[in-house]
Amino acid sequence: MVIRKRRAGGEKRTSVLDAVADVLATRGYENTRFADVSAAGGVAISTLQTYFGSRADMVIEAMAVFTDREVDALRAVAAAEPDPWHRLVAMVDRSLHNPERTRQILVEFWRSAMRDDELRDYSAEVQARYRAPFLTAVREGADRGEFTLTHDAEAVTDLLLAALAGLILSRVQHHPSPSPEGFRDVLLTQLRLMLGING
């Protein structure tokens, strides 16, 4: 599925989409308006209307661009680590240390996808692409004999991603616990058990 977008704006469009993401992180999907983005990005409202057409299309495109960047960044982390276990740890650490803005935009993306059919379909695609490097690492470790899976590779991957998403929600709400460091220790201990890694 492809998010519909206009072609106007060229290179300036990228910086405008970054401004949209900044406003989205602080004001939320429903409250991100042309006027807010205009003030944050120094772009006239008429220019934003030319670039995006509607407020909803502007916000949806910003979320799509942002989530695509997140997937690409995760893939880069995965590509840099040949060892399956160390690759999983590196991807977990990247998720645990995402900045506040990233966590806020992800939660807004998930919230919006619950109510918008186009975003829901796109969210499913993003999830599949984000999940793929984790699943590949789990399968690769099993194929090499480095992991002795106690559960199906897909189930292990899904549990890992669900745990990481849950921590994002907790941190966006500024819950006092769990701490990322304590959560990491428990999560990696459980992941080792599920992968059958000793030591």
C-alpha atoms as a PDB file:
ATOM      1  CA  MET A   1       0.000   0.000   0.000  1.00  0.00           C
ATOM      2  CA  VAL A   2       1.243   3.501  -0.866  1.00  0.00           C
ATOM      3  CA  ILE A   3       0.282   6.616   1.069  1.00  0.00           C
ATOM      4  CA  ARG A   4      -1.092   9.150  -1.386  1.00  0.00           C
ATOM      5  CA  LYS A   5       0.959  12.332  -1.606  1.00  0.00           C
ATOM      6  CA  ARG A   6       1.402  15.323  -3.839  1.00  0.00           C
ATOM      7  CA  ARG A   7       4.712  16.064  -5.497  1.00  0.00           C
ATOM      8  CA  ALA A   8       4.983  19.779  -4.688  1.00  0.00           C
ATOM      9  CA  GLY A   9       7.737  21.134  -2.485  1.00  0.00           C
ATOM     10  CA  GLY A  10      10.920  19.379  -3.544  1.00  0.00           C
ATOM     11  CA  GLU A  11      13.690  19.428  -0.931  1.00  0.00           C
ATOM     12  CA  LYS A  12      11.807  21.958   1.182  1.00  0.00           C
ATOM     13  CA  ARG A  13       9.095  19.362   1.661  1.00  0.00           C
ATOM     14  CA  THR A  14      11.418  17.224   3.789  1.00  0.00           C
ATOM     15  CA  SER A  15      12.062  20.000   6.300  1.00  0.00           C
ATOM     16  CA  VAL A  16       8.355  20.810   6.362  1.00  0.00           C
ATOM     17  CA  LEU A  17       7.543  17.170   7.127  1.00  0.00           C
ATOM     18  CA  ASP A  18      10.040  17.301   9.993  1.00  0.00           C
ATOM     19  CA  ALA A  19       8.171  20.343  11.336  1.00  0.00           C
ATOM     20  CA  VAL A  20       4.880  18.439  11.011  1.00  0.00           C
ATOM     21  CA  ALA A  21       6.409  15.565  13.007  1.00  0.00           C
ATOM     22  CA  ASP A  22       7.561  17.959  15.742  1.00  0.00           C
ATOM     23  CA  VAL A  23       4.079  19.423  16.084  1.00  0.00           C
ATOM     24  CA  LEU A  24       2.520  15.963  15.952  1.00  0.00           C
ATOM     25  CA  ALA A  25       4.724  14.792  18.823  1.00  0.00           C
ATOM     26  CA  THR A  26       3.601  17.622  21.089  1.00  0.00           C
ATOM     27  CA  ARG A  27       0.011  18.284  19.978  1.00  0.00           C
ATOM     28  CA  GLY A  28      -1.219  14.914  18.705  1.00  0.00           C
ATOM     29  CA  TYR A  29      -2.924  13.878  15.486  1.00  0.00           C
ATOM     30  CA  GLU A  30      -6.222  15.654  16.072  1.00  0.00           C
ATOM     31  CA  ASN A  31      -4.608  18.944  17.113  1.00  0.00           C
ATOM     32  CA  THR A  32      -1.905  19.285  14.465  1.00  0.00           C
ATOM     33  CA  ARG A  33      -3.150  22.128  12.267  1.00  0.00           C
ATOM     34  CA  PHE A  34      -1.769  24.058   9.322  1.00  0.00           C
ATOM     35  CA  ALA A  35      -1.351  27.084  11.602  1.00  0.00           C
ATOM     36  CA  ASP A  36       0.780  25.110  14.090  1.00  0.00           C
ATOM     37  CA  VAL A  37       3.050  23.716  11.385  1.00  0.00           C
ATOM     38  CA  SER A  38       3.300  27.147   9.765  1.00  0.00           C
ATOM     39  CA  ALA A  39       4.496  28.628  13.053  1.00  0.00           C
ATOM     40  CA  ALA A  40       6.902  25.752  13.770  1.00  0.00           C
ATOM     41  CA  GLY A  41       8.371  25.492  10.278  1.00  0.00           C
ATOM     42  CA  GLY A  42       8.230  29.083   9.076  1.00  0.00           C
ATOM     43  CA  VAL A  43       6.121  28.137   6.062  1.00  0.00           C
ATOM     44  CA  ALA A  44       2.992  29.949   4.935  1.00  0.00           C
ATOM     45  CA  ILE A  45      -0.310  28.148   5.396  1.00  0.00           C
ATOM     46  CA  SER A  46      -1.001  28.573   1.685  1.00  0.00           C
ATOM     47  CA  THR A  47       2.277  26.764   0.931  1.00  0.00           C
ATOM     48  CA  LEU A  48       1.288  23.879   3.197  1.00  0.00           C
ATOM     49  CA  GLN A  49      -2.052  23.644   1.426  1.00  0.00           C
ATOM     50  CA  THR A  50      -0.246  23.514  -1.915  1.00  0.00           C
ATOM     51  CA  TYR A  51       2.127  20.821  -0.671  1.00  0.00           C
ATOM     52  CA  PHE A  52      -0.422  18.567   0.993  1.00  0.00           C
ATOM     53  CA  GLY A  53      -3.966  19.582   0.084  1.00  0.00           C
ATOM     54  CA  SER A  54      -5.598  18.776   3.400  1.00  0.00           C
ATOM     55  CA  ARG A  55      -4.509  18.813   7.023  1.00  0.00           C
ATOM     56  CA  ALA A  56      -5.168  15.071   7.311  1.00  0.00           C
ATOM     57  CA  ASP A  57      -3.027  14.277   4.258  1.00  0.00           C
ATOM     58  CA  MET A  58      -0.214  16.398   5.693  1.00  0.00           C
ATOM     59  CA  VAL A  59      -0.228  14.569   9.014  1.00  0.00           C
ATOM     60  CA  ILE A  60      -0.597  11.123   7.454  1.00  0.00           C
ATOM     61  CA  GLU A  61       2.315  11.744   5.099  1.00  0.00           C
ATOM     62  CA  ALA A  62       4.490  12.957   7.979  1.00  0.00           C
ATOM     63  CA  MET A  63       3.723   9.803   9.948  1.00  0.00           C
ATOM     64  CA  ALA A  64       4.457   7.642   6.907  1.00  0.00           C
ATOM     65  CA  VAL A  65       7.802   9.332   6.269  1.00  0.00           C
ATOM     66  CA  PHE A  66       8.718   9.115   9.938  1.00  0.00           C
ATOM     67  CA  THR A  67       7.880   5.416  10.291  1.00  0.00           C
ATOM     68  CA  ASP A  68       9.718   4.608   7.050  1.00  0.00           C
ATOM     69  CA  ARG A  69      12.804   6.277   8.511  1.00  0.00           C
ATOM     70  CA  GLU A  70      12.459   4.199  11.668  1.00  0.00           C
ATOM     71  CA  VAL A  71      12.305   0.985   9.654  1.00  0.00           C
ATOM     72  CA  ASP A  72      15.334   2.036   7.587  1.00  0.00           C
ATOM     73  CA  ALA A  73      17.299   2.902  10.741  1.00  0.00           C
ATOM     74  CA  LEU A  74      16.508  -0.479  12.267  1.00  0.00           C
ATOM     75  CA  ARG A  75      17.592  -2.247   9.093  1.00  0.00           C
ATOM     76  CA  ALA A  76      20.884  -0.349   9.197  1.00  0.00           C
ATOM     77  CA  VAL A  77      21.468  -1.509  12.790  1.00  0.00           C
ATOM     78  CA  ALA A  78      20.705  -5.091  11.761  1.00  0.00           C
ATOM     79  CA  ALA A  79      22.954  -4.950   8.699  1.00  0.00           C
ATOM     80  CA  ALA A  80      25.917  -3.802  10.800  1.00  0.00           C
ATOM     81  CA  GLU A  81      25.918  -6.877  13.062  1.00  0.00           C
ATOM     82  CA  PRO A  82      26.590 -10.331  11.551  1.00  0.00           C
ATOM     83  CA  ASP A  83      26.071 -12.306  14.790  1.00  0.00           C
ATOM     84  CA  PRO A  84      22.345 -13.082  15.315  1.00  0.00           C
ATOM     85  CA  TRP A  85      22.366 -12.660  19.119  1.00  0.00           C
ATOM     86  CA  HIS A  86      24.352  -9.421  19.062  1.00  0.00           C
ATOM     87  CA  ARG A  87      22.092  -8.210  16.262  1.00  0.00           C
ATOM     88  CA  LEU A  88      19.005  -8.816  18.401  1.00  0.00           C
ATOM     89  CA  VAL A  89      20.610  -7.003  21.330  1.00  0.00           C
ATOM     90  CA  ALA A  90      21.543  -4.048  19.116  1.00  0.00           C
ATOM     91  CA  MET A  91      17.984  -3.788  17.789  1.00  0.00           C
ATOM     92  CA  VAL A  92      16.531  -4.044  21.292  1.00  0.00           C
ATOM     93  CA  ASP A  93      18.897  -1.329  22.494  1.00  0.00           C
ATOM     94  CA  ARG A  94      17.920   0.948  19.633  1.00  0.00           C
ATOM     95  CA  SER A  95      14.269   0.597  20.563  1.00  0.00           C
ATOM     96  CA  LEU A  96      14.940   1.126  24.266  1.00  0.00           C
ATOM     97  CA  HIS A  97      16.901   4.312  23.625  1.00  0.00           C
ATOM     98  CA  ASN A  98      14.595   6.018  21.146  1.00  0.00           C
ATOM     99  CA  PRO A  99      14.206   9.711  21.979  1.00  0.00           C
ATOM    100  CA  GLU A 100      10.984  11.030  23.482  1.00  0.00           C
ATOM    101  CA  ARG A 101       9.893  12.613  20.189  1.00  0.00           C
ATOM    102  CA  THR A 102      10.159   9.243  18.438  1.00  0.00           C
ATOM    103  CA  ARG A 103       8.099   7.511  21.104  1.00  0.00           C
ATOM    104  CA  GLN A 104       5.419  10.207  20.966  1.00  0.00           C
ATOM    105  CA  ILE A 105       5.100  10.038  17.184  1.00  0.00           C
ATOM    106  CA  LEU A 106       4.917   6.245  17.225  1.00  0.00           C
ATOM    107  CA  VAL A 107       2.085   6.328  19.760  1.00  0.00           C
ATOM    108  CA  GLU A 108       0.230   8.926  17.692  1.00  0.00           C
ATOM    109  CA  PHE A 109       0.720   6.738  14.625  1.00  0.00           C
ATOM    110  CA  TRP A 110      -0.713   3.707  16.428  1.00  0.00           C
ATOM    111  CA  ARG A 111      -3.651   5.730  17.815  1.00  0.00           C
ATOM    112  CA  SER A 112      -4.467   7.174  14.410  1.00  0.00           C
ATOM    113  CA  ALA A 113      -4.204   3.806  12.691  1.00  0.00           C
ATOM    114  CA  MET A 114      -6.989   2.475  14.925  1.00  0.00           C
ATOM    115  CA  ARG A 115      -9.443   4.913  13.319  1.00  0.00           C
ATOM    116  CA  ASP A 116      -8.178   5.430   9.774  1.00  0.00           C
ATOM    117  CA  ASP A 117      -8.434   2.577   7.254  1.00  0.00           C
ATOM    118  CA  GLU A 118      -5.597   3.888   5.087  1.00  0.00           C
ATOM    119  CA  LEU A 119      -3.283   4.263   8.052  1.00  0.00           C
ATOM    120  CA  ARG A 120      -4.342   0.891   9.471  1.00  0.00           C
ATOM    121  CA  ASP A 121      -3.280  -0.854   6.271  1.00  0.00           C
ATOM    122  CA  TYR A 122      -0.050   1.105   6.185  1.00  0.00           C
ATOM    123  CA  SER A 123       0.579   0.319   9.859  1.00  0.00           C
ATOM    124  CA  ALA A 124       0.341  -3.403   9.105  1.00  0.00           C
ATOM    125  CA  GLU A 125       2.952  -2.981   6.358  1.00  0.00           C
ATOM    126  CA  VAL A 126       5.245  -0.979   8.620  1.00  0.00           C
ATOM    127  CA  GLN A 127       4.914  -3.609  11.354  1.00  0.00           C
ATOM    128  CA  ALA A 128       5.813  -6.381   8.908  1.00  0.00           C
ATOM    129  CA  ARG A 129       8.905  -4.493   7.711  1.00  0.00           C
ATOM    130  CA  TYR A 130       9.975  -3.589  11.260  1.00  0.00           C
ATOM    131  CA  ARG A 131       9.455  -7.166  12.431  1.00  0.00           C
ATOM    132  CA  ALA A 132      11.428  -8.727   9.574  1.00  0.00           C
ATOM    133  CA  PRO A 133      14.990  -8.079  10.869  1.00  0.00           C
ATOM    134  CA  PHE A 134      14.088  -9.480  14.298  1.00  0.00           C
ATOM    135  CA  LEU A 135      12.509 -12.584  12.797  1.00  0.00           C
ATOM    136  CA  THR A 136      15.451 -13.035  10.421  1.00  0.00           C
ATOM    137  CA  ALA A 137      17.926 -12.892  13.315  1.00  0.00           C
ATOM    138  CA  VAL A 138      15.955 -15.454  15.329  1.00  0.00           C
ATOM    139  CA  ARG A 139      15.693 -17.834  12.372  1.00  0.00           C
ATOM    140  CA  GLU A 140      19.313 -17.343  11.382  1.00  0.00           C
ATOM    141  CA  GLY A 141      20.525 -18.132  14.885  1.00  0.00           C
ATOM    142  CA  ALA A 142      18.397 -21.290  14.914  1.00  0.00           C
ATOM    143  CA  ASP A 143      19.637 -22.349  11.476  1.00  0.00           C
ATOM    144  CA  ARG A 144      23.243 -21.907  12.598  1.00  0.00           C
ATOM    145  CA  GLY A 145      22.626 -23.988  15.716  1.00  0.00           C
ATOM    146  CA  GLU A 146      23.369 -20.995  17.975  1.00  0.00           C
ATOM    147  CA  PHE A 147      19.774 -20.870  19.219  1.00  0.00           C
ATOM    148  CA  THR A 148      17.716 -23.798  20.432  1.00  0.00           C
ATOM    149  CA  LEU A 149      14.237 -22.353  20.235  1.00  0.00           C
ATOM    150  CA  THR A 150      11.773 -23.284  22.934  1.00  0.00           C
ATOM    151  CA  HIS A 151       8.963 -21.730  20.864  1.00  0.00           C
ATOM    152  CA  ASP A 152       8.265 -20.961  17.225  1.00  0.00           C
ATOM    153  CA  ALA A 153      10.479 -18.174  15.793  1.00  0.00           C
ATOM    154  CA  GLU A 154       7.422 -16.100  14.898  1.00  0.00           C
ATOM    155  CA  ALA A 155       6.018 -16.338  18.423  1.00  0.00           C
ATOM    156  CA  VAL A 156       9.363 -15.353  19.961  1.00  0.00           C
ATOM    157  CA  THR A 157       9.593 -12.350  17.651  1.00  0.00           C
ATOM    158  CA  ASP A 158       6.020 -11.264  18.338  1.00  0.00           C
ATOM    159  CA  LEU A 159       6.504 -11.445  22.101  1.00  0.00           C
ATOM    160  CA  LEU A 160       9.725  -9.433  21.881  1.00  0.00           C
ATOM    161  CA  LEU A 161       8.102  -6.677  19.794  1.00  0.00           C
ATOM    162  CA  ALA A 162       5.020  -6.590  22.023  1.00  0.00           C
ATOM    163  CA  ALA A 163       7.259  -6.061  25.055  1.00  0.00           C
ATOM    164  CA  LEU A 164       9.160  -3.243  23.349  1.00  0.00           C
ATOM    165  CA  ALA A 165       5.926  -1.547  22.252  1.00  0.00           C
ATOM    166  CA  GLY A 166       4.549  -1.829  25.776  1.00  0.00           C
ATOM    167  CA  LEU A 167       7.579  -0.031  27.183  1.00  0.00           C
ATOM    168  CA  ILE A 168       7.152   2.755  24.621  1.00  0.00           C
ATOM    169  CA  LEU A 169       3.570   3.286  25.815  1.00  0.00           C
ATOM    170  CA  SER A 170       4.662   3.318  29.442  1.00  0.00           C
ATOM    171  CA  ARG A 171       7.457   5.824  28.801  1.00  0.00           C
ATOM    172  CA  VAL A 172       5.243   8.160  26.777  1.00  0.00           C
ATOM    173  CA  GLN A 173       2.939   8.312  29.795  1.00  0.00           C
ATOM    174  CA  HIS A 174       5.957   8.952  32.069  1.00  0.00           C
ATOM    175  CA  HIS A 175       5.250   6.004  34.342  1.00  0.00           C
ATOM    176  CA  PRO A 176       7.926   5.701  37.030  1.00  0.00           C
ATOM    177  CA  SER A 177       8.570   2.078  36.162  1.00  0.00           C
ATOM    178  CA  PRO A 178       9.865   0.027  34.553  1.00  0.00           C
ATOM    179  CA  SER A 179      13.207   1.710  33.982  1.00  0.00           C
ATOM    180  CA  PRO A 180      14.722   1.044  30.540  1.00  0.00           C
ATOM    181  CA  GLU A 181      17.804  -0.481  32.185  1.00  0.00           C
ATOM    182  CA  GLY A 182      15.868  -2.872  34.429  1.00  0.00           C
ATOM    183  CA  PHE A 183      13.490  -3.716  31.618  1.00  0.00           C
ATOM    184  CA  ARG A 184      16.446  -4.474  29.333  1.00  0.00           C
ATOM    185  CA  ASP A 185      17.985  -6.912  31.829  1.00  0.00           C
ATOM    186  CA  VAL A 186      14.743  -8.841  32.270  1.00  0.00           C
ATOM    187  CA  LEU A 187      13.882  -8.783  28.569  1.00  0.00           C
ATOM    188  CA  LEU A 188      17.284 -10.072  27.445  1.00  0.00           C
ATOM    189  CA  THR A 189      17.242 -12.747  30.162  1.00  0.00           C
ATOM    190  CA  GLN A 190      13.846 -13.962  28.949  1.00  0.00           C
ATOM    191  CA  LEU A 191      14.925 -13.748  25.324  1.00  0.00           C
ATOM    192  CA  ARG A 192      17.950 -15.936  26.077  1.00  0.00           C
ATOM    193  CA  LEU A 193      15.638 -18.511  27.641  1.00  0.00           C
ATOM    194  CA  MET A 194      13.310 -18.478  24.642  1.00  0.00           C
ATOM    195  CA  LEU A 195      16.284 -18.814  22.287  1.00  0.00           C
ATOM    196  CA  GLY A 196      17.852 -21.579  24.366  1.00  0.00           C
ATOM    197  CA  ILE A 197      21.082 -19.664  24.940  1.00  0.00           C
ATOM    198  CA  ASN A 198      23.116 -20.676  27.992  1.00  0.00           C
ATOM    199  CA  GLY A 199      25.431 -18.280  29.802  1.00  0.00           C
END
